[in-house]
Amino acid sequence: MQRKGGQKAVGTTRVEAPVRAPVQQAPVLAKEARPVAAAPARAPVAAPAAVSAEPRPTFSPLIEMNQGEAEHRHFPRAQLGTRFEVWVDDEAGERRFEASLLSINVSVSGAFLESTFYLPLGTVLGVRFSLEPGAAPVLARAEIVREERGDGPEGRSGFGVRFLDFSGQTEVALARLFVGMRLRAFAEDYLKSQRARSLPNEVERVVDVLAAWELLKATSSVSDPWQG
């Protein structure tokens, strides 16, 4: 039987989810200093030239396949804690409820948000969130599709939302989270080919890369790019 939401907003309400306290690291004890015999003087040695390391991406959340949650459908999900601004507007477009919640996981089609309050299933929310600090926000409408009240198998409290639509093509940022690394590796390798170098301009090379990617999906035994 469907459970109804436990909290109803009156007027414009702002709810802040509790922020987890950072884990304190144990202090590292300094070793006891011991006298060391002076070493004979040596001629100064020139420092080696600095080697520029190729930058590596620092944002790499854990990606796992969906375990059956309705909001994720058949897409993989990322174990990602990021701040979601959510709100509900009335029929006149006036804001009547808003809250700030932390996600537990995110996928291309939905997310699970930690919460100690609940809204009715089927409630449509506006949502705004960023996948990493400084990134442009993802803007979408989402529907509440399920809830957990601490008595589920994982003992968490909150609700799952399914994205209905996005604004300004911001869903591309979500897609890149899951397939961006594979696409980048494929494109970089393909652009080194003689065919790609022979094309007259950048647009033609982009079209060629996309065509080659689609051909790979159609002919490869693992044609679904979401499967990793």
Protein backbone atom coordinates (compact mmCIF):
# COMPACT_ATOMS: atom_id res chain seq x y z
CA MET A 1 0.00 0.00 0.00
CA GLN A 2 1.40 3.42 -0.93
CA ARG A 3 2.42 5.56 2.03
CA LYS A 4 1.53 9.18 1.97
CA GLY A 5 3.96 12.00 2.67
CA GLY A 6 4.53 12.95 6.28
CA GLN A 7 5.05 16.70 5.94
CA LYS A 8 3.02 19.32 4.09
CA ALA A 9 4.42 22.72 3.28
CA VAL A 10 2.41 25.83 4.24
CA GLY A 11 3.43 28.99 2.49
CA THR A 12 7.02 29.19 1.29
CA THR A 13 9.12 26.85 3.40
CA ARG A 14 12.89 26.40 3.39
CA VAL A 15 14.31 23.19 4.77
CA GLU A 16 18.02 22.59 5.19
CA ALA A 17 19.21 19.01 5.37
CA PRO A 18 21.78 18.38 8.13
CA VAL A 19 25.37 18.53 6.90
CA ARG A 20 27.56 15.64 7.89
CA ALA A 21 30.50 16.53 10.10
CA PRO A 22 33.85 15.84 8.45
CA VAL A 23 35.73 12.82 9.75
CA GLN A 24 38.64 13.91 11.91
CA GLN A 25 41.95 12.30 11.03
CA ALA A 26 44.09 11.06 13.87
CA PRO A 27 47.20 13.28 14.42
CA VAL A 28 50.48 11.87 13.22
CA LEU A 29 53.07 11.75 16.02
CA ALA A 30 56.46 13.14 15.13
CA LYS A 31 59.37 10.77 15.53
CA GLU A 32 61.90 11.47 18.25
CA ALA A 33 64.76 13.58 16.93
CA ARG A 34 68.20 11.99 17.19
CA PRO A 35 71.59 13.63 16.67
CA VAL A 36 73.16 12.78 13.34
CA ALA A 37 76.85 13.01 12.55
CA ALA A 38 77.64 15.80 10.14
CA ALA A 39 78.21 14.55 6.59
CA PRO A 40 81.24 15.76 4.65
CA ALA A 41 80.57 18.75 2.45
CA ARG A 42 79.84 17.96 -1.19
CA ALA A 43 79.69 20.06 -4.30
CA PRO A 44 76.19 21.33 -5.03
CA VAL A 45 74.28 19.22 -7.53
CA ALA A 46 72.04 20.94 -10.03
CA ALA A 47 68.34 20.20 -9.47
CA PRO A 48 66.76 18.07 -12.20
CA ALA A 49 64.51 19.86 -14.63
CA ALA A 50 60.85 19.78 -13.67
CA VAL A 51 58.83 17.18 -15.53
CA SER A 52 55.34 18.33 -16.42
CA ALA A 53 52.93 15.55 -15.55
CA GLU A 54 49.86 15.16 -17.75
CA PRO A 55 46.83 16.38 -15.79
CA ARG A 56 44.54 13.66 -14.56
CA PRO A 57 40.85 14.02 -13.75
CA THR A 58 40.26 14.23 -10.00
CA PHE A 59 36.50 13.77 -10.17
CA SER A 60 35.84 10.03 -10.38
CA PRO A 61 32.81 8.84 -8.39
CA LEU A 62 32.15 5.13 -8.00
CA ILE A 63 30.03 3.89 -10.92
CA GLU A 64 27.91 0.76 -10.45
CA MET A 65 25.09 -0.91 -12.29
CA ASN A 66 21.52 -0.25 -11.18
CA GLN A 67 20.27 -2.62 -8.49
CA GLY A 68 16.59 -2.24 -9.33
CA GLU A 69 15.62 1.26 -8.14
CA ALA A 70 12.82 2.64 -10.29
CA GLU A 71 14.41 6.08 -10.65
CA HIS A 72 17.51 4.65 -12.34
CA ARG A 73 15.78 2.38 -14.89
CA HIS A 74 18.47 0.40 -16.70
CA PHE A 75 21.21 3.04 -16.44
CA PRO A 76 24.24 2.74 -14.15
CA ARG A 77 24.40 5.01 -11.12
CA ALA A 78 27.20 6.99 -9.49
CA GLN A 79 27.72 6.95 -5.74
CA LEU A 80 27.79 10.73 -5.53
CA GLY A 81 26.96 13.06 -2.64
CA THR A 82 26.11 16.46 -4.05
CA ARG A 83 23.76 19.22 -2.89
CA PHE A 84 20.32 19.25 -4.57
CA GLU A 85 18.19 22.39 -4.39
CA VAL A 86 14.57 21.23 -4.77
CA TRP A 87 11.34 23.22 -4.87
CA VAL A 88 7.62 23.00 -5.59
CA ASP A 89 5.70 25.73 -7.40
CA ASP A 90 1.94 26.18 -7.32
CA GLU A 91 -0.28 26.50 -10.40
CA ALA A 92 0.46 30.22 -10.62
CA GLY A 93 4.21 29.56 -10.67
CA GLU A 94 4.70 30.85 -7.12
CA ARG A 95 7.24 29.05 -4.92
CA ARG A 96 5.44 27.27 -2.07
CA PHE A 97 8.16 24.90 -0.88
CA GLU A 98 11.93 24.58 -1.17
CA ALA A 99 14.64 22.51 0.48
CA SER A 100 18.32 21.65 0.22
CA LEU A 101 19.10 17.92 0.28
CA LEU A 102 22.16 15.72 -0.20
CA SER A 103 22.14 12.96 -2.81
CA ILE A 104 23.29 9.39 -2.13
CA ASN A 105 23.49 8.39 -5.78
CA VAL A 106 22.78 9.90 -9.20
CA SER A 107 22.14 8.46 -12.66
CA VAL A 108 21.10 9.84 -16.05
CA SER A 109 17.46 9.13 -15.19
CA GLY A 110 17.17 9.87 -11.47
CA ALA A 111 18.67 10.22 -7.98
CA PHE A 112 18.13 9.21 -4.37
CA LEU A 113 18.06 12.11 -1.89
CA GLU A 114 18.58 11.91 1.87
CA SER A 115 15.68 13.43 3.80
CA THR A 116 13.98 13.35 7.20
CA PHE A 117 10.73 14.71 5.74
CA TYR A 118 8.56 13.26 3.00
CA LEU A 119 6.36 14.53 0.21
CA PRO A 120 3.55 12.59 -1.51
CA LEU A 121 4.57 10.13 -4.19
CA GLY A 122 4.03 11.67 -7.60
CA THR A 123 5.01 15.18 -6.43
CA VAL A 124 6.81 17.06 -9.22
CA LEU A 125 9.86 19.04 -8.09
CA GLY A 126 12.18 21.52 -9.69
CA VAL A 127 15.79 20.46 -9.03
CA ARG A 128 19.18 22.12 -9.44
CA PHE A 129 22.53 20.47 -8.70
CA SER A 130 26.18 20.43 -9.80
CA LEU A 131 28.22 17.29 -10.36
CA GLU A 132 31.42 18.87 -9.03
CA PRO A 133 32.45 22.21 -7.46
CA GLY A 134 32.49 25.05 -9.96
CA ALA A 135 30.63 23.10 -12.67
CA ALA A 136 27.57 24.53 -14.38
CA PRO A 137 24.40 23.30 -12.65
CA VAL A 138 22.06 20.66 -14.04
CA LEU A 139 18.46 21.95 -14.14
CA ALA A 140 15.52 19.57 -14.37
CA ARG A 141 12.01 18.64 -13.33
CA ALA A 142 11.75 15.43 -11.32
CA GLU A 143 8.99 13.23 -9.91
CA ILE A 144 9.11 11.47 -6.53
CA VAL A 145 8.73 7.76 -7.32
CA ARG A 146 9.53 6.03 -4.01
CA GLU A 147 10.56 6.64 -0.41
CA GLU A 148 12.51 4.93 2.36
CA ARG A 149 11.99 5.68 6.05
CA GLY A 150 14.99 4.01 7.65
CA ASP A 151 13.45 0.53 7.63
CA GLY A 152 14.77 -0.53 4.20
CA PRO A 153 17.62 -2.95 3.56
CA GLU A 154 20.20 -0.12 3.61
CA GLY A 155 18.69 1.68 6.61
CA ARG A 156 18.58 5.04 4.86
CA SER A 157 15.92 7.75 4.97
CA GLY A 158 14.84 9.73 1.94
CA PHE A 159 13.16 9.48 -1.45
CA GLY A 160 13.99 8.58 -5.03
CA VAL A 161 13.26 10.99 -7.88
CA ARG A 162 13.00 10.30 -11.61
CA PHE A 163 14.02 13.09 -13.98
CA LEU A 164 11.20 14.13 -16.31
CA ASP A 165 12.97 16.70 -18.47
CA PHE A 166 16.00 18.99 -18.45
CA SER A 167 16.64 22.65 -19.24
CA GLY A 168 19.26 23.98 -21.65
CA GLN A 169 20.73 20.58 -22.56
CA THR A 170 22.21 20.31 -19.06
CA GLU A 171 21.58 16.55 -19.20
CA VAL A 172 24.74 16.29 -21.32
CA ALA A 173 26.76 16.86 -18.13
CA LEU A 174 25.10 13.78 -16.64
CA ALA A 175 25.80 11.69 -19.73
CA ARG A 176 29.47 12.70 -19.69
CA LEU A 177 29.76 11.50 -16.10
CA PHE A 178 29.16 7.94 -17.29
CA VAL A 179 30.48 7.76 -20.87
CA GLY A 180 32.77 10.79 -21.11
CA MET A 181 36.00 8.90 -20.42
CA ARG A 182 35.19 6.20 -23.00
CA LEU A 183 34.20 8.78 -25.60
CA ARG A 184 37.33 10.85 -24.98
CA ALA A 185 39.61 7.83 -25.31
CA PHE A 186 37.84 6.73 -28.50
CA ALA A 187 37.94 10.22 -30.05
CA GLU A 188 41.60 10.83 -29.19
CA ASP A 189 42.59 7.51 -30.74
CA TYR A 190 40.45 7.97 -33.86
CA LEU A 191 41.67 11.52 -34.50
CA LYS A 192 45.20 10.14 -34.87
CA SER A 193 44.11 8.06 -37.87
CA GLN A 194 45.09 8.98 -41.42
CA ARG A 195 41.41 9.35 -42.38
CA ALA A 196 40.69 11.88 -39.60
CA ARG A 197 43.82 13.91 -40.40
CA SER A 198 42.80 14.09 -44.06
CA LEU A 199 39.45 15.76 -43.34
CA PRO A 200 39.27 19.49 -44.17
CA ASN A 201 37.91 21.01 -40.95
CA GLU A 202 36.92 20.39 -37.33
CA VAL A 203 33.22 19.92 -38.03
CA GLU A 204 33.95 17.15 -40.52
CA ARG A 205 36.23 15.45 -38.01
CA VAL A 206 33.55 15.62 -35.29
CA VAL A 207 30.96 14.11 -37.67
CA ASP A 208 33.43 11.39 -38.62
CA VAL A 209 34.17 10.53 -34.99
CA LEU A 210 30.45 10.28 -34.23
CA ALA A 211 29.88 8.06 -37.26
CA ALA A 212 32.78 5.81 -36.24
CA TRP A 213 31.40 5.60 -32.67
CA GLU A 214 27.95 4.58 -33.90
CA LEU A 215 29.53 2.02 -36.23
CA LEU A 216 31.49 0.56 -33.31
CA LYS A 217 28.28 0.26 -31.26
CA ALA A 218 26.49 -1.47 -34.13
CA THR A 219 29.27 -3.98 -34.83
CA SER A 220 30.76 -4.59 -31.38
CA SER A 221 29.65 -7.44 -29.14
CA VAL A 222 29.29 -4.84 -26.35
CA SER A 223 27.17 -2.25 -28.16
CA ASP A 224 25.67 -0.56 -25.11
CA PRO A 225 27.99 2.30 -24.03
CA TRP A 226 26.34 2.43 -20.58
CA GLN A 227 27.55 -1.06 -19.69
CA GLY A 228 31.18 0.05 -19.35
